[in-house]
Amino acid sequence: MAASAEHDGGDIFHPPVVVRPPTRGAHPYRRVEIYGRPVGRAYGVEDVAEFLRRAGVVEPDLDDPDLVGWRGGDRTVWSTG
């Protein structure tokens, strides 16, 4: 899985993987999308890495902004409170 190499020319860049903000409730999770398609719920970074491995990324770098876009907090945020 490769992100677009073009970041200039006025185009808005979107990483191929987006991790949405944490949900509220007793068991919060973050929705994960790959190329705009929901792939599941992540309860921790291990889940995000597993979704990427299933998508073909052998050694996912969850800190690479060209690969993963964290919304509502970085990889350390797993609850709303």
Protein backbone atom coordinates (compact mmCIF):
# COMPACT_ATOMS: atom_id res chain seq x y z
CA MET A 1 0.00 0.00 0.00
CA ALA A 2 1.55 3.27 -1.04
CA ALA A 3 0.40 6.80 -0.46
CA SER A 4 0.45 9.33 -3.24
CA ALA A 5 3.87 10.89 -3.66
CA GLU A 6 2.35 14.20 -4.75
CA HIS A 7 1.93 16.64 -1.87
CA ASP A 8 2.14 19.87 -3.84
CA GLY A 9 0.17 21.53 -6.61
CA GLY A 10 -2.73 22.52 -4.37
CA ASP A 11 -4.01 18.98 -3.86
CA ILE A 12 -5.15 18.02 -0.39
CA PHE A 13 -3.27 14.94 0.73
CA HIS A 14 -5.11 12.20 2.59
CA PRO A 15 -3.15 9.29 4.04
CA PRO A 16 -4.49 5.89 2.96
CA VAL A 17 -5.19 4.89 6.56
CA VAL A 18 -7.35 7.03 8.85
CA VAL A 19 -7.88 6.28 12.53
CA ARG A 20 -10.99 8.10 13.73
CA PRO A 21 -11.42 9.70 17.20
CA PRO A 22 -12.22 7.46 20.18
CA THR A 23 -15.84 6.61 20.86
CA ARG A 24 -17.47 7.33 24.20
CA GLY A 25 -18.55 4.64 26.62
CA ALA A 26 -17.27 1.87 28.83
CA HIS A 27 -15.24 0.21 26.04
CA PRO A 28 -14.01 2.99 23.73
CA TYR A 29 -12.51 2.14 20.37
CA ARG A 30 -11.38 3.95 17.24
CA ARG A 31 -12.75 3.20 13.79
CA VAL A 32 -10.12 2.45 11.17
CA GLU A 33 -10.51 3.16 7.46
CA ILE A 34 -8.21 2.18 4.61
CA TYR A 35 -8.72 4.17 1.42
CA GLY A 36 -12.04 5.40 2.78
CA ARG A 37 -13.41 1.92 3.54
CA PRO A 38 -14.12 0.89 7.12
CA VAL A 39 -12.00 -2.10 8.11
CA GLY A 40 -12.84 -2.42 11.79
CA ARG A 41 -12.62 -1.22 15.34
CA ALA A 42 -9.28 -0.75 17.05
CA TYR A 43 -8.99 -0.96 20.82
CA GLY A 44 -5.25 -0.27 20.76
CA VAL A 45 -2.31 0.29 18.42
CA GLU A 46 -1.88 -3.47 18.02
CA ASP A 47 -5.27 -3.62 16.29
CA VAL A 48 -4.34 -0.81 13.89
CA ALA A 49 -1.09 -2.59 13.03
CA GLU A 50 -2.98 -5.85 12.41
CA PHE A 51 -5.41 -4.14 10.01
CA LEU A 52 -2.41 -2.81 8.08
CA ARG A 53 -0.72 -6.22 7.99
CA ARG A 54 -3.93 -7.74 6.62
CA ALA A 55 -3.91 -5.03 3.95
CA GLY A 56 -0.38 -6.03 2.90
CA VAL A 57 1.88 -3.72 4.91
CA VAL A 58 4.45 -6.11 6.38
CA GLU A 59 6.03 -3.73 8.91
CA PRO A 60 3.59 -0.85 9.42
CA ASP A 61 5.02 2.41 10.74
CA LEU A 62 2.11 3.88 12.68
CA ASP A 63 4.02 7.15 13.13
CA ASP A 64 4.36 7.74 9.38
CA PRO A 65 1.95 10.59 8.49
CA ASP A 66 2.12 9.54 4.82
CA LEU A 67 0.58 6.20 5.84
CA VAL A 68 -1.63 6.87 8.89
CA GLY A 69 -3.74 9.89 9.77
CA TRP A 70 -4.71 9.99 13.44
CA ARG A 71 -7.88 12.02 14.08
CA GLY A 72 -8.92 13.14 17.54
CA GLY A 73 -5.56 12.37 19.11
CA ASP A 74 -2.39 10.49 18.33
CA ARG A 75 -1.65 6.79 18.80
CA THR A 76 -1.63 7.20 22.60
CA VAL A 77 -5.26 8.41 22.84
CA TRP A 78 -7.81 5.62 23.29
CA SER A 79 -10.55 7.26 25.35
CA THR A 80 -12.42 10.55 25.40
CA GLY A 81 -11.90 11.25 29.08
